[in-house]
C-alpha cells in the first residue's frame, strides 16, 4: 500500500527542460489567492491573509501514451510572501500512515478543503483513469503532508511530504515549497501511475487573543506585470522508452499572477 501531492502560479507559461533531450510532459498551471472561510478581508488583497487555489494540468504521450510519472513539485512563491506556521495544529506523517486522515482531522490539523487529482493507473493489462481525493495537513516543522485517497478501480493511499526552504527569499522569489511525490505502483511489473491533473486549496488561519493569525500572507506590493511565480515539476525517467534517459526530467514554468485590484 502506498501513500500523493501538490501547490502555486498563473497565466503565461514557458518551459525549460533539464536533463536529457527526450520527450517530456507539457505542464499548465493556474493559481488564485482566495479567501479563508470564516475570516473576512482575506484573499487576493495586498498584505492580507490568503489561501491558495492551485491547479496543474499535465499532458504527454511519452509513457505508453500518457505522461511520465510525477515525482516532485517545487513552487517558489512571489518575493515578499510571508509565512507564519507557528501555532497551527500539526499531524505527523507516521499518524497518517498508521491511522489515516481522520486522526489528523481530529487534531484540527487540516490545511484546507479536500482537493482532487486525476491520473491513470495500471489495472490488469489496461491503463485506466483513477480519481483521488487529496487531504492536506500541517506537518511539524512548518510544511505539509498531502494524503491522496483513491478507491476505484484501484485502492490507493499515497502520502506526499512537503517542506519550505528559502523562507527569506532567493533568486528573485519568496519561500520555496518542495514536495516529494512517490511513484504509484499498483501491480508488480506494471507501469507506474501517471498524474494528469491536480487541484488543491491550501491555507488556514486561527485567532489568538481575538486577533487572526494567517499561515500565509500576500506581499504588500505587486510589481508591474504581476507577481512572478516559478514551478518545477519533475518526472521519472521514461522506462518505457527504447533508449531511456539517464535521469529525471524537470519542466520549469514561469508565471505572472495578476496584481490584486486596489
C-alpha atoms as a PDB file:
ATOM      1  CA  UNK A   1       0.000   0.000   0.000  1.00  0.00           C
ATOM      2  CA  UNK A   2       1.360   3.372  -0.916  1.00  0.00           C
ATOM      3  CA  UNK A   3       0.880   6.721   0.459  1.00  0.00           C
ATOM      4  CA  UNK A   4       0.073  11.784  -3.168  1.00  0.00           C
ATOM      5  CA  UNK A   5       0.875  15.564  -3.803  1.00  0.00           C
ATOM      6  CA  UNK A   6       0.778  19.396  -4.836  1.00  0.00           C
ATOM      7  CA  UNK A   7       0.874  23.834  -4.752  1.00  0.00           C
ATOM      8  CA  UNK A   8       1.125  27.821  -6.942  1.00  0.00           C
ATOM      9  CA  UNK A   9       1.220  30.356 -10.065  1.00  0.00           C
ATOM     10  CA  UNK A  10      -0.943  31.618 -13.025  1.00  0.00           C
ATOM     11  CA  UNK A  11      -1.070  32.520 -16.724  1.00  0.00           C
ATOM     12  CA  UNK A  12       1.986  32.915 -19.004  1.00  0.00           C
ATOM     13  CA  UNK A  13       3.729  29.546 -19.358  1.00  0.00           C
ATOM     14  CA  UNK A  14       7.225  28.833 -20.597  1.00  0.00           C
ATOM     15  CA  UNK A  15       9.039  25.527 -20.453  1.00  0.00           C
ATOM     16  CA  UNK A  16      12.634  24.644 -19.745  1.00  0.00           C
ATOM     17  CA  UNK A  17      13.701  21.020 -19.863  1.00  0.00           C
ATOM     18  CA  UNK A  18      16.509  19.933 -17.558  1.00  0.00           C
ATOM     19  CA  UNK A  19      18.338  16.664 -18.117  1.00  0.00           C
ATOM     20  CA  UNK A  20      18.101  14.615 -21.271  1.00  0.00           C
ATOM     21  CA  UNK A  21      16.736  15.920 -24.535  1.00  0.00           C
ATOM     22  CA  UNK A  22      13.830  13.474 -24.610  1.00  0.00           C
ATOM     23  CA  UNK A  23      10.095  13.983 -24.789  1.00  0.00           C
ATOM     24  CA  UNK A  24       8.635  15.447 -21.619  1.00  0.00           C
ATOM     25  CA  UNK A  25       5.116  16.231 -20.455  1.00  0.00           C
ATOM     26  CA  UNK A  26       3.543  19.621 -21.081  1.00  0.00           C
ATOM     27  CA  UNK A  27       2.508  21.451 -17.905  1.00  0.00           C
ATOM     28  CA  UNK A  28      -0.003  24.250 -17.429  1.00  0.00           C
ATOM     29  CA  UNK A  29      -0.632  25.783 -14.032  1.00  0.00           C
ATOM     30  CA  UNK A  30      -3.153  28.234 -12.619  1.00  0.00           C
ATOM     31  CA  UNK A  31      -3.341  29.646  -9.122  1.00  0.00           C
ATOM     32  CA  UNK A  32      -5.518  32.136  -7.322  1.00  0.00           C
ATOM     33  CA  UNK A  33      -5.395  33.765  -3.905  1.00  0.00           C
ATOM     34  CA  UNK A  34      -8.768  33.015  -2.302  1.00  0.00           C
ATOM     35  CA  UNK A  35     -10.446  33.997   0.983  1.00  0.00           C
ATOM     36  CA  UNK A  36     -10.064  31.874   4.104  1.00  0.00           C
ATOM     37  CA  UNK A  37     -13.546  30.764   5.236  1.00  0.00           C
ATOM     38  CA  UNK A  38     -14.622  32.499   8.441  1.00  0.00           C
ATOM     39  CA  UNK A  39     -12.007  35.252   8.146  1.00  0.00           C
ATOM     40  CA  UNK A  40     -13.151  38.481   6.440  1.00  0.00           C
ATOM     41  CA  UNK A  41     -10.780  40.687   4.437  1.00  0.00           C
ATOM     42  CA  UNK A  42      -8.702  37.739   3.240  1.00  0.00           C
ATOM     43  CA  UNK A  43      -7.949  36.588  -0.279  1.00  0.00           C
ATOM     44  CA  UNK A  44      -6.499  38.496  -3.200  1.00  0.00           C
ATOM     45  CA  UNK A  45      -5.663  41.621  -1.173  1.00  0.00           C
ATOM     46  CA  UNK A  46      -2.162  43.095  -0.814  1.00  0.00           C
ATOM     47  CA  UNK A  47      -0.646  42.147   2.543  1.00  0.00           C
ATOM     48  CA  UNK A  48      -3.688  40.116   3.563  1.00  0.00           C
ATOM     49  CA  UNK A  49      -4.016  36.559   4.726  1.00  0.00           C
ATOM     50  CA  UNK A  50      -4.918  34.181   1.934  1.00  0.00           C
ATOM     51  CA  UNK A  51      -5.452  30.596   0.923  1.00  0.00           C
ATOM     52  CA  UNK A  52      -4.083  29.445  -2.403  1.00  0.00           C
ATOM     53  CA  UNK A  53      -6.065  27.574  -5.042  1.00  0.00           C
ATOM     54  CA  UNK A  54      -3.642  25.742  -7.360  1.00  0.00           C
ATOM     55  CA  UNK A  55      -4.413  23.755 -10.489  1.00  0.00           C
ATOM     56  CA  UNK A  56      -1.971  21.708 -12.560  1.00  0.00           C
ATOM     57  CA  UNK A  57      -2.731  20.066 -15.891  1.00  0.00           C
ATOM     58  CA  UNK A  58      -0.207  17.619 -17.315  1.00  0.00           C
ATOM     59  CA  UNK A  59      -0.325  16.092 -20.778  1.00  0.00           C
ATOM     60  CA  UNK A  60       2.005  13.843 -22.729  1.00  0.00           C
ATOM     61  CA  UNK A  61       2.315  10.530 -24.557  1.00  0.00           C
ATOM     62  CA  UNK A  62       5.923   9.613 -23.777  1.00  0.00           C
ATOM     63  CA  UNK A  63       4.962   6.970 -21.171  1.00  0.00           C
ATOM     64  CA  UNK A  64       2.925   4.401 -23.052  1.00  0.00           C
ATOM     65  CA  UNK A  65       0.575   7.072 -24.345  1.00  0.00           C
ATOM     66  CA  UNK A  66       0.425   9.004 -21.054  1.00  0.00           C
ATOM     67  CA  UNK A  67       2.612  11.500 -19.149  1.00  0.00           C
ATOM     68  CA  UNK A  68       5.694  10.178 -17.372  1.00  0.00           C
ATOM     69  CA  UNK A  69       5.197   9.570 -13.623  1.00  0.00           C
ATOM     70  CA  UNK A  70       5.361  12.724 -11.491  1.00  0.00           C
ATOM     71  CA  UNK A  71       7.916  12.541  -8.669  1.00  0.00           C
ATOM     72  CA  UNK A  72       8.335  16.130  -7.499  1.00  0.00           C
ATOM     73  CA  UNK A  73       6.642  19.533  -7.385  1.00  0.00           C
ATOM     74  CA  UNK A  74       8.604  22.628  -6.336  1.00  0.00           C
ATOM     75  CA  UNK A  75       6.952  26.055  -6.205  1.00  0.00           C
ATOM     76  CA  UNK A  76       8.695  29.366  -5.500  1.00  0.00           C
ATOM     77  CA  UNK A  77       6.221  31.947  -4.198  1.00  0.00           C
ATOM     78  CA  UNK A  78       6.388  35.646  -5.117  1.00  0.00           C
ATOM     79  CA  UNK A  79       9.027  37.721  -3.372  1.00  0.00           C
ATOM     80  CA  UNK A  80       7.570  39.333  -0.263  1.00  0.00           C
ATOM     81  CA  UNK A  81       5.239  36.443   0.578  1.00  0.00           C
ATOM     82  CA  UNK A  82       5.168  35.841   4.338  1.00  0.00           C
ATOM     83  CA  UNK A  83       4.610  32.522   6.116  1.00  0.00           C
ATOM     84  CA  UNK A  84       3.651  32.074   9.763  1.00  0.00           C
ATOM     85  CA  UNK A  85       3.403  28.341  10.538  1.00  0.00           C
ATOM     86  CA  UNK A  86       3.622  28.709  14.339  1.00  0.00           C
ATOM     87  CA  UNK A  87       0.573  27.848  16.411  1.00  0.00           C
ATOM     88  CA  UNK A  88      -1.218  25.663  13.874  1.00  0.00           C
ATOM     89  CA  UNK A  89      -2.094  22.111  14.987  1.00  0.00           C
ATOM     90  CA  UNK A  90       0.087  19.593  13.151  1.00  0.00           C
ATOM     91  CA  UNK A  91      -0.120  15.944  12.200  1.00  0.00           C
ATOM     92  CA  UNK A  92       2.950  13.791  11.667  1.00  0.00           C
ATOM     93  CA  UNK A  93       3.413  11.509   8.679  1.00  0.00           C
ATOM     94  CA  UNK A  94       3.526   8.481  10.993  1.00  0.00           C
ATOM     95  CA  UNK A  95      -0.010   9.275  12.184  1.00  0.00           C
ATOM     96  CA  UNK A  96      -1.260   9.346   8.599  1.00  0.00           C
ATOM     97  CA  UNK A  97       0.494   6.087   7.841  1.00  0.00           C
ATOM     98  CA  UNK A  98      -0.848   4.282  10.884  1.00  0.00           C
ATOM     99  CA  UNK A  99      -4.273   5.866  11.446  1.00  0.00           C
ATOM    100  CA  UNK A 100      -5.214   7.692   8.244  1.00  0.00           C
ATOM    101  CA  UNK A 101      -6.550  11.218   7.660  1.00  0.00           C
ATOM    102  CA  UNK A 102      -9.380  11.007  10.213  1.00  0.00           C
ATOM    103  CA  UNK A 103      -6.831  11.060  13.019  1.00  0.00           C
ATOM    104  CA  UNK A 104      -5.315  14.264  11.610  1.00  0.00           C
ATOM    105  CA  UNK A 105      -8.759  15.841  11.232  1.00  0.00           C
ATOM    106  CA  UNK A 106      -9.435  15.134  14.907  1.00  0.00           C
ATOM    107  CA  UNK A 107      -6.248  17.045  15.717  1.00  0.00           C
ATOM    108  CA  UNK A 108      -7.583  20.056  13.813  1.00  0.00           C
ATOM    109  CA  UNK A 109      -4.543  19.929  11.528  1.00  0.00           C
ATOM    110  CA  UNK A 110      -6.365  20.374   8.208  1.00  0.00           C
ATOM    111  CA  UNK A 111      -4.580  22.854   5.934  1.00  0.00           C
ATOM    112  CA  UNK A 112      -7.507  23.327   3.549  1.00  0.00           C
ATOM    113  CA  UNK A 113     -10.548  21.691   1.951  1.00  0.00           C
ATOM    114  CA  UNK A 114     -10.327  18.350   0.176  1.00  0.00           C
ATOM    115  CA  UNK A 115      -8.829  18.632  -3.307  1.00  0.00           C
ATOM    116  CA  UNK A 116      -8.584  16.128  -6.117  1.00  0.00           C
ATOM    117  CA  UNK A 117      -6.244  14.656  -8.699  1.00  0.00           C
ATOM    118  CA  UNK A 118      -6.874  12.682 -11.857  1.00  0.00           C
ATOM    119  CA  UNK A 119      -4.496  10.134 -13.287  1.00  0.00           C
ATOM    120  CA  UNK A 120      -4.017   6.810 -14.996  1.00  0.00           C
ATOM    121  CA  UNK A 121      -3.071   3.527 -13.310  1.00  0.00           C
ATOM    122  CA  UNK A 122      -2.331   0.003 -14.496  1.00  0.00           C
ATOM    123  CA  UNK A 123      -5.222  -2.372 -13.821  1.00  0.00           C
ATOM    124  CA  UNK A 124      -4.545  -5.839 -15.133  1.00  0.00           C
ATOM    125  CA  UNK A 125      -3.308  -5.333 -18.685  1.00  0.00           C
ATOM    126  CA  UNK A 126      -5.076  -1.997 -19.076  1.00  0.00           C
ATOM    127  CA  UNK A 127      -4.318   1.640 -18.251  1.00  0.00           C
ATOM    128  CA  UNK A 128      -7.445   3.113 -16.688  1.00  0.00           C
ATOM    129  CA  UNK A 129      -8.382   6.515 -15.216  1.00  0.00           C
ATOM    130  CA  UNK A 130      -8.442   6.992 -11.464  1.00  0.00           C
ATOM    131  CA  UNK A 131      -9.619   9.967  -9.405  1.00  0.00           C
ATOM    132  CA  UNK A 132      -8.255  10.543  -5.914  1.00  0.00           C
ATOM    133  CA  UNK A 133      -9.186  12.914  -3.103  1.00  0.00           C
ATOM    134  CA  UNK A 134      -6.336  14.968  -1.637  1.00  0.00           C
ATOM    135  CA  UNK A 135      -6.401  15.976   2.017  1.00  0.00           C
ATOM    136  CA  UNK A 136      -3.766  18.432   3.219  1.00  0.00           C
ATOM    137  CA  UNK A 137      -2.448  18.715   6.763  1.00  0.00           C
ATOM    138  CA  UNK A 138       0.031  20.955   8.540  1.00  0.00           C
ATOM    139  CA  UNK A 139       3.180  18.994   9.342  1.00  0.00           C
ATOM    140  CA  UNK A 140       5.591  19.506  12.228  1.00  0.00           C
ATOM    141  CA  UNK A 141       8.268  21.989  11.194  1.00  0.00           C
ATOM    142  CA  UNK A 142       6.023  24.148   9.010  1.00  0.00           C
ATOM    143  CA  UNK A 143       5.435  22.030   5.917  1.00  0.00           C
ATOM    144  CA  UNK A 144       2.547  19.859   4.744  1.00  0.00           C
ATOM    145  CA  UNK A 145       1.537  16.246   4.398  1.00  0.00           C
ATOM    146  CA  UNK A 146      -0.735  15.506   1.423  1.00  0.00           C
ATOM    147  CA  UNK A 147      -2.832  12.338   1.620  1.00  0.00           C
ATOM    148  CA  UNK A 148      -4.242  11.079  -1.699  1.00  0.00           C
ATOM    149  CA  UNK A 149      -7.032   8.524  -1.345  1.00  0.00           C
ATOM    150  CA  UNK A 150      -8.295   6.564  -4.356  1.00  0.00           C
ATOM    151  CA  UNK A 151     -10.967   3.874  -4.394  1.00  0.00           C
ATOM    152  CA  UNK A 152     -11.701   2.777  -7.956  1.00  0.00           C
ATOM    153  CA  UNK A 153     -10.591   0.887  -9.922  1.00  0.00           C
ATOM    154  CA  UNK A 154      -7.542   0.579  -7.628  1.00  0.00           C
ATOM    155  CA  UNK A 155      -7.387   1.219  -3.879  1.00  0.00           C
ATOM    156  CA  UNK A 156      -4.623   3.797  -3.306  1.00  0.00           C
ATOM    157  CA  UNK A 157      -3.300   5.651  -0.272  1.00  0.00           C
ATOM    158  CA  UNK A 158      -0.400   7.925  -1.178  1.00  0.00           C
ATOM    159  CA  UNK A 159       1.406  10.385   1.096  1.00  0.00           C
ATOM    160  CA  UNK A 160       3.479  13.271  -0.267  1.00  0.00           C
ATOM    161  CA  UNK A 161       5.590  15.284   2.156  1.00  0.00           C
ATOM    162  CA  UNK A 162       6.349  18.965   1.534  1.00  0.00           C
ATOM    163  CA  UNK A 163       8.618  21.478   3.245  1.00  0.00           C
ATOM    164  CA  UNK A 164       9.663  25.096   2.723  1.00  0.00           C
ATOM    165  CA  UNK A 165      13.155  26.431   2.079  1.00  0.00           C
ATOM    166  CA  UNK A 166      14.399  29.963   1.376  1.00  0.00           C
ATOM    167  CA  UNK A 167      11.931  31.499   3.827  1.00  0.00           C
ATOM    168  CA  UNK A 168      13.608  34.877   3.345  1.00  0.00           C
ATOM    169  CA  UNK A 169      13.543  34.528  -0.423  1.00  0.00           C
ATOM    170  CA  UNK A 170      16.163  33.665  -3.039  1.00  0.00           C
ATOM    171  CA  UNK A 171      16.784  34.060  -6.789  1.00  0.00           C
ATOM    172  CA  UNK A 172      14.161  36.792  -7.054  1.00  0.00           C
ATOM    173  CA  UNK A 173      11.397  34.723  -5.447  1.00  0.00           C
ATOM    174  CA  UNK A 174       9.995  34.179  -1.969  1.00  0.00           C
ATOM    175  CA  UNK A 175       9.706  30.945   0.043  1.00  0.00           C
ATOM    176  CA  UNK A 176      10.021  27.729  -1.951  1.00  0.00           C
ATOM    177  CA  UNK A 177       7.845  24.678  -1.312  1.00  0.00           C
ATOM    178  CA  UNK A 178       9.462  21.348  -2.145  1.00  0.00           C
ATOM    179  CA  UNK A 179       7.094  18.373  -2.473  1.00  0.00           C
ATOM    180  CA  UNK A 180       8.239  14.794  -2.961  1.00  0.00           C
ATOM    181  CA  UNK A 181       5.756  12.576  -4.813  1.00  0.00           C
ATOM    182  CA  UNK A 182       6.194   8.780  -4.535  1.00  0.00           C
ATOM    183  CA  UNK A 183       5.795   6.518  -7.539  1.00  0.00           C
ATOM    184  CA  UNK A 184       2.346   4.955  -7.730  1.00  0.00           C
ATOM    185  CA  UNK A 185       2.845   1.212  -8.120  1.00  0.00           C
ATOM    186  CA  UNK A 186      -0.335  -0.846  -8.436  1.00  0.00           C
ATOM    187  CA  UNK A 187       0.808  -4.260  -9.664  1.00  0.00           C
ATOM    188  CA  UNK A 188       4.406  -5.553  -9.613  1.00  0.00           C
ATOM    189  CA  UNK A 189       5.929  -5.223 -13.060  1.00  0.00           C
ATOM    190  CA  UNK A 190       3.154  -2.947 -14.357  1.00  0.00           C
ATOM    191  CA  UNK A 191       3.556   0.659 -15.476  1.00  0.00           C
ATOM    192  CA  UNK A 192       3.653   3.257 -12.704  1.00  0.00           C
ATOM    193  CA  UNK A 193       0.732   5.646 -12.352  1.00  0.00           C
ATOM    194  CA  UNK A 194       0.614   8.927 -14.295  1.00  0.00           C
ATOM    195  CA  UNK A 195      -0.821  12.195 -12.979  1.00  0.00           C
ATOM    196  CA  UNK A 196      -2.879  14.292 -15.408  1.00  0.00           C
ATOM    197  CA  UNK A 197      -4.338  16.995 -13.161  1.00  0.00           C
ATOM    198  CA  UNK A 198      -4.157  18.302  -9.589  1.00  0.00           C
ATOM    199  CA  UNK A 199      -6.467  20.802  -7.893  1.00  0.00           C
ATOM    200  CA  UNK A 200      -5.987  21.860  -4.259  1.00  0.00           C
ATOM    201  CA  UNK A 201      -6.631  24.789  -1.915  1.00  0.00           C
ATOM    202  CA  UNK A 202      -4.145  25.279   0.918  1.00  0.00           C
ATOM    203  CA  UNK A 203      -4.328  27.949   3.604  1.00  0.00           C
ATOM    204  CA  UNK A 204      -5.841  28.500   7.031  1.00  0.00           C
ATOM    205  CA  UNK A 205      -5.977  30.861   9.981  1.00  0.00           C
ATOM    206  CA  UNK A 206      -6.754  30.867  13.699  1.00  0.00           C
ATOM    207  CA  UNK A 207      -7.483  33.524  16.323  1.00  0.00           C
ATOM    208  CA  UNK A 208      -5.142  34.351  19.161  1.00  0.00           C
ATOM    209  CA  UNK A 209      -6.351  36.805  21.816  1.00  0.00           C
ATOM    210  CA  UNK A 210      -9.077  37.845  19.412  1.00  0.00           C
ATOM    211  CA  UNK A 211      -6.726  38.587  16.522  1.00  0.00           C
ATOM    212  CA  UNK A 212      -6.397  36.456  13.364  1.00  0.00           C
ATOM    213  CA  UNK A 213      -3.157  34.657  12.610  1.00  0.00           C
ATOM    214  CA  UNK A 214      -2.689  33.613   8.985  1.00  0.00           C
ATOM    215  CA  UNK A 215      -0.480  30.809   7.719  1.00  0.00           C
ATOM    216  CA  UNK A 216       0.352  32.851   4.618  1.00  0.00           C
ATOM    217  CA  UNK A 217       0.109  36.497   3.563  1.00  0.00           C
ATOM    218  CA  UNK A 218       0.379  38.073   0.133  1.00  0.00           C
ATOM    219  CA  UNK A 219       3.187  40.583  -0.479  1.00  0.00           C
ATOM    220  CA  UNK A 220       2.412  44.180   0.471  1.00  0.00           C
ATOM    221  CA  UNK A 221       3.185  45.412  -3.038  1.00  0.00           C
ATOM    222  CA  UNK A 222       2.878  43.996  -6.535  1.00  0.00           C
ATOM    223  CA  UNK A 223       5.462  44.645  -9.266  1.00  0.00           C
ATOM    224  CA  UNK A 224       4.384  45.910 -12.667  1.00  0.00           C
ATOM    225  CA  UNK A 225       3.117  42.993 -14.717  1.00  0.00           C
ATOM    226  CA  UNK A 226       2.115  40.856 -11.744  1.00  0.00           C
ATOM    227  CA  UNK A 227       3.623  38.502  -9.164  1.00  0.00           C
ATOM    228  CA  UNK A 228       6.343  36.221 -10.636  1.00  0.00           C
ATOM    229  CA  UNK A 229       5.969  32.585  -9.576  1.00  0.00           C
ATOM    230  CA  UNK A 230       8.163  29.633 -10.551  1.00  0.00           C
ATOM    231  CA  UNK A 231       7.074  25.993 -10.588  1.00  0.00           C
ATOM    232  CA  UNK A 232       9.327  22.989 -11.227  1.00  0.00           C
ATOM    233  CA  UNK A 233       7.711  19.613 -11.923  1.00  0.00           C
ATOM    234  CA  UNK A 234       9.997  16.603 -12.026  1.00  0.00           C
ATOM    235  CA  UNK A 235       9.111  13.403 -13.854  1.00  0.00           C
ATOM    236  CA  UNK A 236      10.653   9.944 -13.515  1.00  0.00           C
ATOM    237  CA  UNK A 237      12.941   8.603 -16.252  1.00  0.00           C
ATOM    238  CA  UNK A 238      10.924   7.117 -19.102  1.00  0.00           C
ATOM    239  CA  UNK A 239      11.390   3.413 -18.510  1.00  0.00           C
ATOM    240  CA  UNK A 240       9.144   2.667 -21.496  1.00  0.00           C
ATOM    241  CA  UNK A 241      11.402   4.425 -23.984  1.00  0.00           C
ATOM    242  CA  UNK A 242      13.618   2.379 -26.285  1.00  0.00           C
ATOM    243  CA  UNK A 243      16.578   4.407 -25.038  1.00  0.00           C
ATOM    244  CA  UNK A 244      15.543   5.863 -21.679  1.00  0.00           C
ATOM    245  CA  UNK A 245      17.432   8.921 -20.466  1.00  0.00           C
ATOM    246  CA  UNK A 246      19.911   8.757 -17.581  1.00  0.00           C
ATOM    247  CA  UNK A 247      17.752  10.629 -15.098  1.00  0.00           C
ATOM    248  CA  UNK A 248      14.564  12.533 -14.273  1.00  0.00           C
ATOM    249  CA  UNK A 249      13.275  15.377 -16.449  1.00  0.00           C
ATOM    250  CA  UNK A 250      12.243  18.700 -14.901  1.00  0.00           C
ATOM    251  CA  UNK A 251       9.753  21.034 -16.536  1.00  0.00           C
ATOM    252  CA  UNK A 252      10.041  24.614 -15.256  1.00  0.00           C
ATOM    253  CA  UNK A 253       7.160  27.020 -15.723  1.00  0.00           C
ATOM    254  CA  UNK A 254       7.233  30.757 -15.019  1.00  0.00           C
ATOM    255  CA  UNK A 255       4.047  32.647 -14.213  1.00  0.00           C
ATOM    256  CA  UNK A 256       2.919  36.176 -13.507  1.00  0.00           C
ATOM    257  CA  UNK A 257      -0.117  36.272 -11.273  1.00  0.00           C
ATOM    258  CA  UNK A 258      -2.210  39.400 -11.825  1.00  0.00           C
ATOM    259  CA  UNK A 259      -1.894  42.082  -9.153  1.00  0.00           C
ATOM    260  CA  UNK A 260      -4.874  42.424  -6.781  1.00  0.00           C
ATOM    261  CA  UNK A 261      -7.321  45.192  -7.501  1.00  0.00           C
ATOM    262  CA  UNK A 262      -6.817  48.265  -5.335  1.00  0.00           C
END
